[in-house]
Amino acid sequence: MLAIVRRYEAAGFRAWPAAAVHYDGTWVVRLTAGHPAKRLNSVNPLDPGDTQHMADRIGRASRRFDAYGRPLTFRMSPLSGPDLASHLDREGWSRFDESLVMRLPLADAQLDDAMDQIPLKDISRFIGASLKVSGSDVSLRPGLSEIIGAIQPEAGLFALEDGAEALATLICVHDGDLAGLFEVATDKSARNKGHGRNLILSALKWARLRGAREAWLQVEAGNVPALALYHSLGFDEVYRYHYRRPPVHG
């Protein structure tokens, strides 16, 4: 099981790269000044047995986060292990934002009727559409542009549009036999009309034609509509992760 988790975690790091990456043993410290997303600004432990000098190492990570103006955040997957979790419990750290990692073998996906769609080449156009449909602040534009530009595997930028109006967007990262879906969003005014489903199927068809054999994604456990959509497409849960932060004093 841990080997499977490591595979997805490594794919996630490649698909959604942080601006700065530091290693403290097998703890991966990811920081990104231009974007506040937790997965881009978190400590990611990758070995349950790497628990030496935890307090000192947490202190070092805290200083790095302070320098970036980010709150110290640990992203706890099954690779974090029970010893670190117990240490954070004793120190009063909060736990929040649980997410699922889900997978779908593309041989099982119903893609024959999916529309053939060519990814956008215009990054600026895609980012504008993505920010619009997700309701994100336009101040995130430079940071999102930097992240997309830094993706090393092949990244397909997909947008479903009605004329000049963006309805749904996503990024499909083709990495060997994996196709990762990121930033999946549908405009609030266009939901429950199948736009997200259609765009996902088009992206997976594109990835399968390039040799991908398995799709995967991350979704918040509380996002009930998204979970219903992914389950209906055949995605199954592989594992979960959550975030932790230290108590605020003063």
C-alpha atoms as a PDB file:
ATOM      1  CA  MET A   1       0.000   0.000   0.000  1.00  0.00           C
ATOM      2  CA  LEU A   2       2.763   2.482   0.898  1.00  0.00           C
ATOM      3  CA  ALA A   3       4.431   1.885  -2.466  1.00  0.00           C
ATOM      4  CA  ILE A   4       1.174   2.840  -4.198  1.00  0.00           C
ATOM      5  CA  VAL A   5       0.884   5.969  -2.070  1.00  0.00           C
ATOM      6  CA  ARG A   6       4.476   6.941  -2.891  1.00  0.00           C
ATOM      7  CA  ARG A   7       3.727   6.606  -6.597  1.00  0.00           C
ATOM      8  CA  TYR A   8       0.788   9.014  -6.450  1.00  0.00           C
ATOM      9  CA  GLU A   9       2.566  11.422  -4.120  1.00  0.00           C
ATOM     10  CA  ALA A  10       5.552  11.624  -6.489  1.00  0.00           C
ATOM     11  CA  ALA A  11       3.222  12.139  -9.455  1.00  0.00           C
ATOM     12  CA  GLY A  12       1.458  14.909  -7.560  1.00  0.00           C
ATOM     13  CA  PHE A  13       4.722  16.726  -6.870  1.00  0.00           C
ATOM     14  CA  ARG A  14       5.645  16.572 -10.567  1.00  0.00           C
ATOM     15  CA  ALA A  15       2.206  17.605 -11.758  1.00  0.00           C
ATOM     16  CA  TRP A  16       1.741  20.553  -9.379  1.00  0.00           C
ATOM     17  CA  PRO A  17       5.265  21.859  -8.683  1.00  0.00           C
ATOM     18  CA  ALA A  18       6.109  24.160  -5.809  1.00  0.00           C
ATOM     19  CA  ALA A  19       8.439  27.097  -6.443  1.00  0.00           C
ATOM     20  CA  ALA A  20      10.893  26.006  -3.742  1.00  0.00           C
ATOM     21  CA  VAL A  21      11.515  22.474  -2.458  1.00  0.00           C
ATOM     22  CA  HIS A  22      13.694  21.571   0.527  1.00  0.00           C
ATOM     23  CA  TYR A  23      14.392  18.166   2.057  1.00  0.00           C
ATOM     24  CA  ASP A  24      14.811  17.421   5.739  1.00  0.00           C
ATOM     25  CA  GLY A  25      15.433  13.709   5.739  1.00  0.00           C
ATOM     26  CA  THR A  26      12.388  12.318   3.928  1.00  0.00           C
ATOM     27  CA  TRP A  27      10.248  15.352   4.767  1.00  0.00           C
ATOM     28  CA  VAL A  28       9.616  17.365   1.604  1.00  0.00           C
ATOM     29  CA  VAL A  29       9.122  21.054   2.404  1.00  0.00           C
ATOM     30  CA  ARG A  30       7.223  22.757  -0.432  1.00  0.00           C
ATOM     31  CA  LEU A  31       6.816  26.539  -0.546  1.00  0.00           C
ATOM     32  CA  THR A  32       5.401  28.869  -3.173  1.00  0.00           C
ATOM     33  CA  ALA A  33       5.378  32.627  -2.695  1.00  0.00           C
ATOM     34  CA  GLY A  34       3.057  33.259  -5.628  1.00  0.00           C
ATOM     35  CA  HIS A  35       0.188  30.947  -4.655  1.00  0.00           C
ATOM     36  CA  PRO A  36      -1.351  30.166  -1.238  1.00  0.00           C
ATOM     37  CA  ALA A  37      -2.594  26.620  -1.985  1.00  0.00           C
ATOM     38  CA  LYS A  38      -1.853  24.274   0.921  1.00  0.00           C
ATOM     39  CA  ARG A  39      -0.437  21.515  -1.291  1.00  0.00           C
ATOM     40  CA  LEU A  40       2.106  24.075  -2.571  1.00  0.00           C
ATOM     41  CA  ASN A  41       2.917  25.295   0.939  1.00  0.00           C
ATOM     42  CA  SER A  42       3.254  22.275   3.203  1.00  0.00           C
ATOM     43  CA  VAL A  43       5.614  19.758   4.764  1.00  0.00           C
ATOM     44  CA  ASN A  44       5.068  16.322   3.215  1.00  0.00           C
ATOM     45  CA  PRO A  45       6.545  13.424   5.241  1.00  0.00           C
ATOM     46  CA  LEU A  46       7.282  10.432   2.993  1.00  0.00           C
ATOM     47  CA  ASP A  47       8.514   7.723   5.384  1.00  0.00           C
ATOM     48  CA  PRO A  48       6.613   6.549   8.503  1.00  0.00           C
ATOM     49  CA  GLY A  49       9.913   5.540  10.135  1.00  0.00           C
ATOM     50  CA  ASP A  50      11.617   8.924   9.740  1.00  0.00           C
ATOM     51  CA  THR A  51      10.783  10.304  13.169  1.00  0.00           C
ATOM     52  CA  GLN A  52      14.153  11.358  14.580  1.00  0.00           C
ATOM     53  CA  HIS A  53      14.423  14.822  16.200  1.00  0.00           C
ATOM     54  CA  MET A  54      10.881  15.762  15.237  1.00  0.00           C
ATOM     55  CA  ALA A  55      10.694  18.885  17.400  1.00  0.00           C
ATOM     56  CA  ASP A  56      13.933  20.319  15.978  1.00  0.00           C
ATOM     57  CA  ARG A  57      12.883  19.595  12.412  1.00  0.00           C
ATOM     58  CA  ILE A  58       9.451  21.131  12.936  1.00  0.00           C
ATOM     59  CA  GLY A  59      11.215  24.217  14.245  1.00  0.00           C
ATOM     60  CA  ARG A  60      13.372  24.428  11.115  1.00  0.00           C
ATOM     61  CA  ALA A  61      10.326  24.060   8.900  1.00  0.00           C
ATOM     62  CA  SER A  62       8.528  26.750  10.873  1.00  0.00           C
ATOM     63  CA  ARG A  63      11.327  29.225  10.198  1.00  0.00           C
ATOM     64  CA  ARG A  64      11.148  28.506   6.468  1.00  0.00           C
ATOM     65  CA  PHE A  65       7.391  29.087   6.451  1.00  0.00           C
ATOM     66  CA  ASP A  66       7.790  32.301   8.443  1.00  0.00           C
ATOM     67  CA  ALA A  67      10.248  33.565   5.832  1.00  0.00           C
ATOM     68  CA  TYR A  68       7.616  32.998   3.129  1.00  0.00           C
ATOM     69  CA  GLY A  69       4.817  34.484   5.199  1.00  0.00           C
ATOM     70  CA  ARG A  70       2.973  31.171   5.155  1.00  0.00           C
ATOM     71  CA  PRO A  71       1.402  29.335   8.117  1.00  0.00           C
ATOM     72  CA  LEU A  72       3.287  26.177   9.061  1.00  0.00           C
ATOM     73  CA  THR A  73       1.270  23.326   7.548  1.00  0.00           C
ATOM     74  CA  PHE A  74       1.853  19.569   7.443  1.00  0.00           C
ATOM     75  CA  ARG A  75       0.176  17.452   4.791  1.00  0.00           C
ATOM     76  CA  MET A  76      -0.439  14.063   6.390  1.00  0.00           C
ATOM     77  CA  SER A  77      -0.764  11.072   4.052  1.00  0.00           C
ATOM     78  CA  PRO A  78      -0.364   7.389   5.038  1.00  0.00           C
ATOM     79  CA  LEU A  79       3.378   7.985   4.556  1.00  0.00           C
ATOM     80  CA  SER A  80       3.426  10.302   7.592  1.00  0.00           C
ATOM     81  CA  GLY A  81       2.996   7.421  10.007  1.00  0.00           C
ATOM     82  CA  PRO A  82       1.466   7.176  13.496  1.00  0.00           C
ATOM     83  CA  ASP A  83       4.471   8.474  15.470  1.00  0.00           C
ATOM     84  CA  LEU A  84       4.437  11.906  13.863  1.00  0.00           C
ATOM     85  CA  ALA A  85       0.644  12.059  14.150  1.00  0.00           C
ATOM     86  CA  SER A  86       0.874  11.264  17.875  1.00  0.00           C
ATOM     87  CA  HIS A  87       3.530  13.942  18.359  1.00  0.00           C
ATOM     88  CA  LEU A  88       1.327  16.567  16.686  1.00  0.00           C
ATOM     89  CA  ASP A  89      -1.648  15.413  18.772  1.00  0.00           C
ATOM     90  CA  ARG A  90       0.350  15.944  21.966  1.00  0.00           C
ATOM     91  CA  GLU A  91       1.336  19.413  20.795  1.00  0.00           C
ATOM     92  CA  GLY A  92      -2.287  20.351  20.140  1.00  0.00           C
ATOM     93  CA  TRP A  93      -2.126  20.652  16.364  1.00  0.00           C
ATOM     94  CA  SER A  94      -5.474  20.985  14.569  1.00  0.00           C
ATOM     95  CA  ARG A  95      -6.561  18.652  11.785  1.00  0.00           C
ATOM     96  CA  PHE A  96      -8.548  19.930   8.790  1.00  0.00           C
ATOM     97  CA  ASP A  97      -9.426  19.599   5.094  1.00  0.00           C
ATOM     98  CA  GLU A  98      -9.381  15.853   4.524  1.00  0.00           C
ATOM     99  CA  SER A  99      -9.096  14.845   0.866  1.00  0.00           C
ATOM    100  CA  LEU A 100      -9.360  11.640  -1.133  1.00  0.00           C
ATOM    101  CA  VAL A 101      -6.983  10.383  -3.800  1.00  0.00           C
ATOM    102  CA  MET A 102      -9.020   8.464  -6.365  1.00  0.00           C
ATOM    103  CA  ARG A 103      -8.127   6.355  -9.404  1.00  0.00           C
ATOM    104  CA  LEU A 104      -9.801   5.013 -12.542  1.00  0.00           C
ATOM    105  CA  PRO A 105      -8.258   2.428 -14.895  1.00  0.00           C
ATOM    106  CA  LEU A 106      -8.771   3.967 -18.330  1.00  0.00           C
ATOM    107  CA  ALA A 107      -9.614   0.545 -19.767  1.00  0.00           C
ATOM    108  CA  ASP A 108     -12.760   0.770 -17.621  1.00  0.00           C
ATOM    109  CA  ALA A 109     -13.630   4.346 -18.618  1.00  0.00           C
ATOM    110  CA  GLN A 110     -16.456   4.957 -21.078  1.00  0.00           C
ATOM    111  CA  LEU A 111     -14.531   7.206 -23.462  1.00  0.00           C
ATOM    112  CA  ASP A 112     -15.657   6.073 -26.925  1.00  0.00           C
ATOM    113  CA  ASP A 113     -18.416   8.682 -27.098  1.00  0.00           C
ATOM    114  CA  ALA A 114     -16.344  11.459 -25.505  1.00  0.00           C
ATOM    115  CA  MET A 115     -15.819  14.432 -27.771  1.00  0.00           C
ATOM    116  CA  ASP A 116     -12.367  14.877 -29.236  1.00  0.00           C
ATOM    117  CA  GLN A 117     -10.945  18.100 -27.896  1.00  0.00           C
ATOM    118  CA  ILE A 118      -7.565  19.710 -28.459  1.00  0.00           C
ATOM    119  CA  PRO A 119      -6.049  21.338 -25.345  1.00  0.00           C
ATOM    120  CA  LEU A 120      -5.596  25.098 -25.387  1.00  0.00           C
ATOM    121  CA  LYS A 121      -2.156  26.375 -26.357  1.00  0.00           C
ATOM    122  CA  ASP A 122      -2.872  29.866 -25.058  1.00  0.00           C
ATOM    123  CA  ILE A 123      -1.923  29.675 -21.365  1.00  0.00           C
ATOM    124  CA  SER A 124      -3.168  33.196 -20.691  1.00  0.00           C
ATOM    125  CA  ARG A 125      -6.600  32.375 -22.116  1.00  0.00           C
ATOM    126  CA  PHE A 126      -6.807  29.192 -20.066  1.00  0.00           C
ATOM    127  CA  ILE A 127      -5.796  30.919 -16.832  1.00  0.00           C
ATOM    128  CA  GLY A 128      -8.423  33.608 -17.354  1.00  0.00           C
ATOM    129  CA  ALA A 129     -11.056  30.936 -17.909  1.00  0.00           C
ATOM    130  CA  SER A 130      -9.900  28.885 -14.913  1.00  0.00           C
ATOM    131  CA  LEU A 131      -9.956  31.832 -12.519  1.00  0.00           C
ATOM    132  CA  LYS A 132     -13.401  32.803 -13.769  1.00  0.00           C
ATOM    133  CA  VAL A 133     -15.108  29.412 -13.456  1.00  0.00           C
ATOM    134  CA  SER A 134     -13.519  28.636 -10.078  1.00  0.00           C
ATOM    135  CA  GLY A 135     -14.374  32.056  -8.673  1.00  0.00           C
ATOM    136  CA  SER A 136     -10.739  32.649  -7.726  1.00  0.00           C
ATOM    137  CA  ASP A 137      -9.222  36.073  -7.177  1.00  0.00           C
ATOM    138  CA  VAL A 138      -7.460  37.547 -10.206  1.00  0.00           C
ATOM    139  CA  SER A 139      -4.456  38.260  -7.971  1.00  0.00           C
ATOM    140  CA  LEU A 140      -3.640  34.527  -8.278  1.00  0.00           C
ATOM    141  CA  ARG A 141      -3.027  34.881 -12.012  1.00  0.00           C
ATOM    142  CA  PRO A 142       0.793  35.317 -11.879  1.00  0.00           C
ATOM    143  CA  GLY A 143       1.202  32.455  -9.420  1.00  0.00           C
ATOM    144  CA  LEU A 144      -0.999  30.081 -11.408  1.00  0.00           C
ATOM    145  CA  SER A 145       0.869  31.014 -14.567  1.00  0.00           C
ATOM    146  CA  GLU A 146       4.178  30.214 -12.884  1.00  0.00           C
ATOM    147  CA  ILE A 147       2.916  26.830 -11.664  1.00  0.00           C
ATOM    148  CA  ILE A 148       1.561  25.777 -15.052  1.00  0.00           C
ATOM    149  CA  GLY A 149       4.762  26.901 -16.757  1.00  0.00           C
ATOM    150  CA  ALA A 150       6.820  24.768 -14.364  1.00  0.00           C
ATOM    151  CA  ILE A 151       4.915  21.499 -14.946  1.00  0.00           C
ATOM    152  CA  GLN A 152       7.448  19.057 -16.396  1.00  0.00           C
ATOM    153  CA  PRO A 153       5.180  16.274 -17.749  1.00  0.00           C
ATOM    154  CA  GLU A 154       2.875  17.035 -20.672  1.00  0.00           C
ATOM    155  CA  ALA A 155       0.002  19.207 -19.453  1.00  0.00           C
ATOM    156  CA  GLY A 156      -3.248  19.504 -21.393  1.00  0.00           C
ATOM    157  CA  LEU A 157      -5.189  22.708 -20.650  1.00  0.00           C
ATOM    158  CA  PHE A 158      -8.870  22.015 -21.265  1.00  0.00           C
ATOM    159  CA  ALA A 159     -11.696  24.541 -21.370  1.00  0.00           C
ATOM    160  CA  LEU A 160     -15.330  24.105 -22.358  1.00  0.00           C
ATOM    161  CA  GLU A 161     -16.643  27.382 -23.712  1.00  0.00           C
ATOM    162  CA  ASP A 162     -19.903  28.801 -25.032  1.00  0.00           C
ATOM    163  CA  GLY A 163     -18.639  31.443 -27.412  1.00  0.00           C
ATOM    164  CA  ALA A 164     -16.360  33.607 -25.297  1.00  0.00           C
ATOM    165  CA  GLU A 165     -17.932  32.362 -22.045  1.00  0.00           C
ATOM    166  CA  ALA A 166     -15.974  29.725 -20.125  1.00  0.00           C
ATOM    167  CA  LEU A 167     -18.172  27.005 -18.620  1.00  0.00           C
ATOM    168  CA  ALA A 168     -15.675  24.468 -17.229  1.00  0.00           C
ATOM    169  CA  THR A 169     -11.908  24.025 -17.047  1.00  0.00           C
ATOM    170  CA  LEU A 170      -9.345  21.474 -15.947  1.00  0.00           C
ATOM    171  CA  ILE A 171      -5.703  20.516 -16.345  1.00  0.00           C
ATOM    172  CA  CYS A 172      -4.816  16.957 -17.355  1.00  0.00           C
ATOM    173  CA  VAL A 173      -1.191  16.049 -16.671  1.00  0.00           C
ATOM    174  CA  HIS A 174       0.006  13.080 -18.720  1.00  0.00           C
ATOM    175  CA  ASP A 175       2.909  11.478 -16.850  1.00  0.00           C
ATOM    176  CA  GLY A 176       3.862   8.078 -18.292  1.00  0.00           C
ATOM    177  CA  ASP A 177       0.921   5.731 -17.736  1.00  0.00           C
ATOM    178  CA  LEU A 178      -0.806   8.202 -15.378  1.00  0.00           C
ATOM    179  CA  ALA A 179      -3.245  10.986 -16.207  1.00  0.00           C
ATOM    180  CA  GLY A 180      -3.743  13.374 -13.300  1.00  0.00           C
ATOM    181  CA  LEU A 181      -6.710  15.762 -13.205  1.00  0.00           C
ATOM    182  CA  PHE A 182      -6.142  19.129 -11.520  1.00  0.00           C
ATOM    183  CA  GLU A 183      -8.078  22.382 -11.030  1.00  0.00           C
ATOM    184  CA  VAL A 184     -11.351  20.798 -12.159  1.00  0.00           C
ATOM    185  CA  ALA A 185     -14.031  23.483 -11.962  1.00  0.00           C
ATOM    186  CA  THR A 186     -17.399  24.430 -13.455  1.00  0.00           C
ATOM    187  CA  ASP A 187     -18.819  27.944 -13.420  1.00  0.00           C
ATOM    188  CA  LYS A 188     -21.475  28.349 -10.721  1.00  0.00           C
ATOM    189  CA  SER A 189     -24.079  29.406 -13.302  1.00  0.00           C
ATOM    190  CA  ALA A 190     -23.447  26.328 -15.461  1.00  0.00           C
ATOM    191  CA  ARG A 191     -23.433  23.482 -12.930  1.00  0.00           C
ATOM    192  CA  ASN A 192     -25.550  20.319 -13.030  1.00  0.00           C
ATOM    193  CA  LYS A 193     -25.611  20.369 -16.833  1.00  0.00           C
ATOM    194  CA  GLY A 194     -22.927  17.759 -17.521  1.00  0.00           C
ATOM    195  CA  HIS A 195     -20.203  20.200 -18.552  1.00  0.00           C
ATOM    196  CA  GLY A 196     -17.678  18.938 -16.006  1.00  0.00           C
ATOM    197  CA  ARG A 197     -18.362  15.303 -16.903  1.00  0.00           C
ATOM    198  CA  ASN A 198     -17.973  15.985 -20.630  1.00  0.00           C
ATOM    199  CA  LEU A 199     -14.722  17.878 -20.164  1.00  0.00           C
ATOM    200  CA  ILE A 200     -13.249  15.163 -17.916  1.00  0.00           C
ATOM    201  CA  LEU A 201     -14.100  12.460 -20.461  1.00  0.00           C
ATOM    202  CA  SER A 202     -12.546  14.500 -23.272  1.00  0.00           C
ATOM    203  CA  ALA A 203      -9.367  15.035 -21.250  1.00  0.00           C
ATOM    204  CA  LEU A 204      -9.108  11.347 -20.367  1.00  0.00           C
ATOM    205  CA  LYS A 205      -9.648  10.373 -24.000  1.00  0.00           C
ATOM    206  CA  TRP A 206      -6.798  12.715 -24.957  1.00  0.00           C
ATOM    207  CA  ALA A 207      -4.543  11.202 -22.276  1.00  0.00           C
ATOM    208  CA  ARG A 208      -5.406   7.607 -23.213  1.00  0.00           C
ATOM    209  CA  LEU A 209      -4.460   8.293 -26.829  1.00  0.00           C
ATOM    210  CA  ARG A 210      -1.051   9.364 -25.516  1.00  0.00           C
ATOM    211  CA  GLY A 211      -0.496   6.140 -23.605  1.00  0.00           C
ATOM    212  CA  ALA A 212      -2.024   6.835 -20.195  1.00  0.00           C
ATOM    213  CA  ARG A 213      -3.588   3.763 -18.615  1.00  0.00           C
ATOM    214  CA  GLU A 214      -4.871   5.171 -15.338  1.00  0.00           C
ATOM    215  CA  ALA A 215      -6.513   8.424 -14.284  1.00  0.00           C
ATOM    216  CA  TRP A 216      -6.192   9.861 -10.804  1.00  0.00           C
ATOM    217  CA  LEU A 217      -7.245  12.964  -8.906  1.00  0.00           C
ATOM    218  CA  GLN A 218      -7.506  14.591  -5.495  1.00  0.00           C
ATOM    219  CA  VAL A 219     -10.833  15.828  -4.128  1.00  0.00           C
ATOM    220  CA  GLU A 220     -11.883  17.263  -0.778  1.00  0.00           C
ATOM    221  CA  ALA A 221     -13.896  14.823   1.307  1.00  0.00           C
ATOM    222  CA  GLY A 222     -16.592  17.439   1.877  1.00  0.00           C
ATOM    223  CA  ASN A 223     -17.156  18.150  -1.817  1.00  0.00           C
ATOM    224  CA  VAL A 224     -20.238  15.968  -2.153  1.00  0.00           C
ATOM    225  CA  PRO A 225     -21.193  16.928  -5.755  1.00  0.00           C
ATOM    226  CA  ALA A 226     -17.654  16.273  -7.023  1.00  0.00           C
ATOM    227  CA  LEU A 227     -17.465  12.944  -5.217  1.00  0.00           C
ATOM    228  CA  ALA A 228     -20.794  11.885  -6.734  1.00  0.00           C
ATOM    229  CA  LEU A 229     -19.518  12.813 -10.193  1.00  0.00           C
ATOM    230  CA  TYR A 230     -16.227  10.945  -9.797  1.00  0.00           C
ATOM    231  CA  HIS A 231     -17.919   7.846  -8.399  1.00  0.00           C
ATOM    232  CA  SER A 232     -20.367   7.876 -11.316  1.00  0.00           C
ATOM    233  CA  LEU A 233     -17.404   7.958 -13.721  1.00  0.00           C
ATOM    234  CA  GLY A 234     -15.929   4.885 -12.023  1.00  0.00           C
ATOM    235  CA  PHE A 235     -13.261   6.456  -9.800  1.00  0.00           C
ATOM    236  CA  ASP A 236     -12.463   4.595  -6.565  1.00  0.00           C
ATOM    237  CA  GLU A 237     -10.713   5.821  -3.424  1.00  0.00           C
ATOM    238  CA  VAL A 238      -7.065   4.829  -2.996  1.00  0.00           C
ATOM    239  CA  TYR A 239      -6.155   6.709   0.198  1.00  0.00           C
ATOM    240  CA  ARG A 240      -6.798   9.915   2.113  1.00  0.00           C
ATOM    241  CA  TYR A 241      -4.704  12.780   3.408  1.00  0.00           C
ATOM    242  CA  HIS A 242      -5.377  15.822   5.571  1.00  0.00           C
ATOM    243  CA  TYR A 243      -3.622  18.936   6.826  1.00  0.00           C
ATOM    244  CA  ARG A 244      -2.432  19.945  10.279  1.00  0.00           C
ATOM    245  CA  ARG A 245      -1.370  23.238  11.823  1.00  0.00           C
ATOM    246  CA  PRO A 246       0.006  24.145  15.251  1.00  0.00           C
ATOM    247  CA  PRO A 247      -2.126  25.955  17.809  1.00  0.00           C
ATOM    248  CA  VAL A 248      -2.150  29.755  17.675  1.00  0.00           C
ATOM    249  CA  HIS A 249      -0.827  31.327  20.868  1.00  0.00           C
ATOM    250  CA  GLY A 250      -1.280  34.831  22.130  1.00  0.00           C
END
